[in-house]
Amino acid sequence: MTREQLARRIADLSLLRGEFTLRSGRKSNYYLDKYRFETQPDVLIELGKLFAAHVTEKIDRIAGAELGAVPLAAATAMASGKPCIFVRNQKKDYGTAKQIEGVLNSGETVLIVEDVLTTGGQVLEAAKSLELLGAKIFAIVAVIDRQEGARQNIEQAGYTFEALFTTEDLVVK
């Protein structure tokens, strides 16, 4: 599947029109429903390959935040051969009582993958959680940048940011 075909497939699957409130609290006349594209094997395979292209020998682990980025981290791990970890929104209060699932050793370098970003708030929280455990963040790479401040907020926080697609690539207007 070409990059353009993948962009079209993602848009066809996930672009909804109407009135929506985003995680950031912003209102929007469109919504990119990540679960509609992240649950499709053909899309996950291709996204895993595109994310894997950002994996260098410096990266020890792939991280994805609950819930949307978990399948993306898994797809990237399979495509790159690097292990993945999952970042919970909050530390669980049972079992091992961890916020990070999987193995993360202090000093390891992590690539964070994310789904759809508006302001980048959730991925910045995930990055801080990983750093508190001693991880070094190599970069944050998203499937879609809505171009509403995420890049600026992430870069202002000191992280490298890349997006596989923007709303322009998906022809969202």
Protein backbone atom coordinates (compact mmCIF):
# COMPACT_ATOMS: atom_id res chain seq x y z
CA MET A 1 0.00 0.00 0.00
CA THR A 2 1.43 3.42 -0.91
CA ARG A 3 1.53 6.28 1.60
CA GLU A 4 -1.26 8.04 -0.34
CA GLN A 5 -3.40 4.89 -0.36
CA LEU A 6 -2.88 4.50 3.38
CA ALA A 7 -3.86 8.13 3.98
CA ARG A 8 -7.04 7.61 1.96
CA ARG A 9 -7.83 4.36 3.79
CA ILE A 10 -7.39 6.04 7.18
CA ALA A 11 -9.58 8.96 6.16
CA ASP A 12 -12.26 6.68 4.69
CA LEU A 13 -12.35 4.60 7.88
CA SER A 14 -12.08 7.26 10.54
CA LEU A 15 -13.25 10.68 9.38
CA LEU A 16 -16.57 11.58 10.99
CA ARG A 17 -18.45 14.87 10.45
CA GLY A 18 -20.59 16.59 13.06
CA GLU A 19 -20.00 18.40 16.33
CA PHE A 20 -17.42 16.85 18.65
CA THR A 21 -15.62 17.73 21.86
CA LEU A 22 -11.99 16.62 21.76
CA ARG A 23 -9.88 15.38 24.70
CA SER A 24 -8.33 18.84 24.85
CA GLY A 25 -11.80 20.31 25.41
CA ARG A 26 -11.79 21.97 22.02
CA LYS A 27 -14.82 21.77 19.76
CA SER A 28 -14.47 20.43 16.23
CA ASN A 29 -16.71 19.84 13.22
CA TYR A 30 -14.82 16.64 12.45
CA TYR A 31 -13.43 13.71 14.41
CA LEU A 32 -10.79 11.17 13.44
CA ASP A 33 -11.94 8.00 15.22
CA LYS A 34 -8.64 6.21 15.78
CA TYR A 35 -10.31 2.96 16.75
CA ARG A 36 -11.89 2.73 13.32
CA PHE A 37 -8.47 2.54 11.65
CA GLU A 38 -6.45 0.95 14.48
CA THR A 39 -8.66 -2.13 14.46
CA GLN A 40 -7.98 -2.89 10.80
CA PRO A 41 -5.10 -5.36 10.25
CA ASP A 42 -4.08 -3.92 6.86
CA VAL A 43 -3.79 -0.41 8.33
CA LEU A 44 -1.92 -1.57 11.45
CA ILE A 45 0.59 -3.49 9.34
CA GLU A 46 1.32 -0.44 7.19
CA LEU A 47 1.48 1.93 10.18
CA GLY A 48 3.88 -0.46 11.92
CA LYS A 49 6.17 -0.28 8.90
CA LEU A 50 6.04 3.52 8.77
CA PHE A 51 6.72 3.84 12.51
CA ALA A 52 9.53 1.26 12.24
CA ALA A 53 11.26 3.55 9.73
CA HIS A 54 11.80 5.94 12.69
CA VAL A 55 13.47 3.25 14.80
CA THR A 56 17.25 3.53 14.95
CA GLU A 57 19.86 1.43 16.72
CA LYS A 58 19.74 3.99 19.58
CA ILE A 59 16.18 2.98 20.48
CA ASP A 60 15.71 0.27 23.08
CA ARG A 61 11.90 0.19 23.32
CA ILE A 62 8.73 1.40 21.67
CA ALA A 63 6.12 2.97 23.98
CA GLY A 64 2.42 3.52 23.45
CA ALA A 65 0.00 5.22 25.81
CA GLU A 66 -3.28 3.67 26.90
CA LEU A 67 -5.50 2.93 25.03
CA GLY A 68 -5.16 4.10 21.47
CA ALA A 69 -1.41 3.79 21.07
CA VAL A 70 -1.18 0.24 22.46
CA PRO A 71 -1.90 -1.47 19.11
CA LEU A 72 0.41 1.03 17.37
CA ALA A 73 3.27 0.19 19.75
CA ALA A 74 2.66 -3.52 19.21
CA ALA A 75 2.60 -3.12 15.41
CA THR A 76 5.80 -1.05 15.54
CA ALA A 77 7.49 -3.63 17.78
CA MET A 78 6.63 -6.40 15.33
CA ALA A 79 7.83 -4.38 12.33
CA SER A 80 11.06 -3.21 13.98
CA GLY A 81 11.97 -6.18 16.17
CA LYS A 82 12.24 -3.90 19.24
CA PRO A 83 10.25 -4.68 22.40
CA CYS A 84 7.38 -2.43 23.44
CA ILE A 85 5.91 -1.08 26.65
CA PHE A 86 2.52 0.37 27.44
CA VAL A 87 1.88 3.50 29.48
CA ARG A 88 -1.28 3.54 31.58
CA ASN A 89 -3.09 6.82 32.17
CA GLN A 90 -2.83 6.13 35.88
CA LYS A 91 -0.94 3.67 38.01
CA LYS A 92 -3.14 0.65 38.66
CA ASP A 93 -4.07 -0.09 42.27
CA TYR A 94 -3.92 -3.89 42.04
CA GLY A 95 -1.46 -6.61 41.07
CA THR A 96 1.94 -5.05 40.41
CA ALA A 97 0.52 -1.50 40.80
CA LYS A 98 2.50 -0.23 37.81
CA GLN A 99 1.85 2.62 35.41
CA ILE A 100 4.26 1.21 32.81
CA GLU A 101 3.51 -2.32 31.59
CA GLY A 102 6.34 -4.41 30.20
CA VAL A 103 10.03 -4.10 30.98
CA LEU A 104 11.67 -0.68 31.10
CA ASN A 105 15.19 -0.31 32.48
CA SER A 106 16.49 3.02 33.70
CA GLY A 107 18.63 4.70 31.04
CA GLU A 108 16.89 3.07 28.08
CA THR A 109 15.95 5.13 25.06
CA VAL A 110 12.31 5.05 24.03
CA LEU A 111 10.40 5.99 20.89
CA ILE A 112 6.84 6.99 21.77
CA VAL A 113 4.17 6.29 19.16
CA GLU A 114 0.80 8.01 19.32
CA ASP A 115 -2.43 8.06 17.39
CA VAL A 116 -4.17 11.40 16.77
CA LEU A 117 -2.75 14.57 18.33
CA THR A 118 -4.49 17.88 18.85
CA THR A 119 -2.55 19.60 21.65
CA GLY A 120 -0.31 16.68 22.63
CA GLY A 121 -1.43 16.71 26.26
CA GLN A 122 -1.73 12.95 26.76
CA VAL A 123 1.53 12.06 25.03
CA LEU A 124 3.37 14.68 27.09
CA GLU A 125 1.99 13.07 30.25
CA ALA A 126 3.20 9.67 29.00
CA ALA A 127 6.67 11.09 28.25
CA LYS A 128 6.94 12.52 31.76
CA SER A 129 5.88 9.18 33.29
CA LEU A 130 8.58 7.39 31.31
CA GLU A 131 11.23 9.93 32.27
CA LEU A 132 10.34 9.56 35.95
CA LEU A 133 11.40 5.91 35.59
CA GLY A 134 14.69 6.88 33.99
CA ALA A 135 13.83 6.58 30.28
CA LYS A 136 15.29 8.87 27.66
CA ILE A 137 12.75 9.96 25.03
CA PHE A 138 14.22 9.69 21.54
CA ALA A 139 11.18 11.14 19.77
CA ILE A 140 7.40 11.20 19.66
CA VAL A 141 5.84 10.06 16.38
CA ALA A 142 2.10 10.30 15.72
CA VAL A 143 -0.12 8.80 13.07
CA ILE A 144 -2.00 12.09 12.59
CA ASP A 145 -1.22 15.66 13.62
CA ARG A 146 -4.42 17.71 13.61
CA GLN A 147 -2.16 20.79 13.33
CA GLU A 148 -3.76 22.49 16.33
CA GLY A 149 -0.75 23.00 18.58
CA ALA A 150 0.63 19.52 19.31
CA ARG A 151 3.89 20.08 17.42
CA GLN A 152 4.54 23.38 19.17
CA ASN A 153 3.69 22.01 22.64
CA ILE A 154 5.81 18.87 22.19
CA GLU A 155 8.81 20.71 20.78
CA GLN A 156 8.48 23.43 23.44
CA ALA A 157 8.67 20.64 26.04
CA GLY A 158 12.02 19.66 24.51
CA TYR A 159 11.04 16.59 22.48
CA THR A 160 11.51 15.75 18.80
CA PHE A 161 8.15 15.34 17.04
CA GLU A 162 7.18 13.74 13.75
CA ALA A 163 3.81 12.91 12.24
CA LEU A 164 3.19 10.25 9.63
CA PHE A 165 0.23 12.27 8.35
CA THR A 166 -1.45 15.62 8.93
CA THR A 167 -5.07 16.54 8.43
CA GLU A 168 -3.95 18.05 5.10
CA ASP A 169 -2.63 14.65 3.98
CA LEU A 170 -6.03 13.15 4.81
CA VAL A 171 -7.76 15.99 2.95
CA VAL A 172 -9.69 17.08 6.05
CA LYS A 173 -11.14 20.58 5.71
